[in-house]
Amino acid sequence: MTAPAPTAHREIALVDLLDRLLGGGVVIAGDVTLRIADVDLVRIDLRALVSSVNAQVPSPWEEPE
């Protein structure tokens, strides 16, 4: 009898998943195009970086003291 793979079935709480993602940072990218009769009317390109900020990695918008 073989042991199941460690990642075969593992439940992770949403809070734990968000903590892991924000700890390392996440890049979200996407494109949305509104098109009628093969004519592009609106195009939206999304590029976002989501990350946590703490004392070791300060916010880029804070004024230096």
Protein backbone atom coordinates (compact mmCIF):
# COMPACT_ATOMS: atom_id res chain seq x y z
CA MET A 1 0.00 0.00 0.00
CA THR A 2 1.44 3.37 -1.03
CA ALA A 3 1.15 6.59 0.92
CA PRO A 4 -0.86 9.41 -0.69
CA ALA A 5 1.03 12.35 -2.13
CA PRO A 6 1.43 15.20 0.39
CA THR A 7 -0.45 17.64 -1.87
CA ALA A 8 -3.12 15.19 -3.05
CA HIS A 9 -5.88 16.47 -0.74
CA ARG A 10 -5.12 19.25 1.67
CA GLU A 11 -7.53 21.79 3.10
CA ILE A 12 -6.25 25.29 3.76
CA ALA A 13 -8.29 28.00 5.46
CA LEU A 14 -8.85 31.16 3.42
CA VAL A 15 -7.14 33.25 6.11
CA ASP A 16 -4.02 31.06 5.93
CA LEU A 17 -3.98 31.28 2.14
CA LEU A 18 -4.25 35.09 2.21
CA ASP A 19 -1.50 35.27 4.84
CA ARG A 20 0.83 33.22 2.64
CA LEU A 21 0.00 35.23 -0.48
CA LEU A 22 0.43 38.62 1.18
CA GLY A 23 3.62 37.51 2.91
CA GLY A 24 5.34 36.88 -0.40
CA GLY A 25 3.34 39.23 -2.60
CA VAL A 26 0.98 38.53 -5.46
CA VAL A 27 0.90 39.92 -8.97
CA ILE A 28 -2.52 40.12 -10.62
CA ALA A 29 -2.67 40.65 -14.37
CA GLY A 30 -5.61 40.66 -16.73
CA ASP A 31 -7.08 42.10 -19.90
CA VAL A 32 -10.72 42.96 -20.59
CA THR A 33 -11.97 44.00 -24.02
CA LEU A 34 -15.51 45.14 -24.80
CA ARG A 35 -16.14 44.37 -28.45
CA ILE A 36 -19.21 44.72 -30.68
CA ALA A 37 -19.23 43.41 -34.27
CA ASP A 38 -15.45 42.82 -34.17
CA VAL A 39 -14.81 46.46 -33.22
CA ASP A 40 -12.93 47.02 -29.96
CA LEU A 41 -14.77 49.71 -28.00
CA VAL A 42 -13.10 49.52 -24.58
CA ARG A 43 -9.88 47.82 -23.54
CA ILE A 44 -8.71 47.62 -19.93
CA ASP A 45 -5.30 46.26 -18.95
CA LEU A 46 -4.85 45.45 -15.28
CA ARG A 47 -1.51 44.98 -13.57
CA ALA A 48 -1.49 45.05 -9.76
CA LEU A 49 0.96 44.05 -7.05
CA VAL A 50 -0.58 43.10 -3.70
CA SER A 51 1.78 42.73 -0.77
CA SER A 52 1.89 43.31 2.96
CA VAL A 53 3.73 46.24 4.53
CA ASN A 54 5.51 46.06 7.88
CA ALA A 55 8.38 47.73 9.73
CA GLN A 56 11.04 45.95 7.64
CA VAL A 57 9.29 46.86 4.37
CA PRO A 58 7.79 50.32 4.88
CA SER A 59 5.11 51.85 2.70
CA PRO A 60 6.52 53.72 -0.34
CA TRP A 61 4.11 56.62 0.37
CA GLU A 62 5.35 57.43 3.88
CA GLU A 63 7.56 60.45 4.37
CA PRO A 64 11.08 59.57 5.61
CA GLU A 65 11.74 60.79 9.15
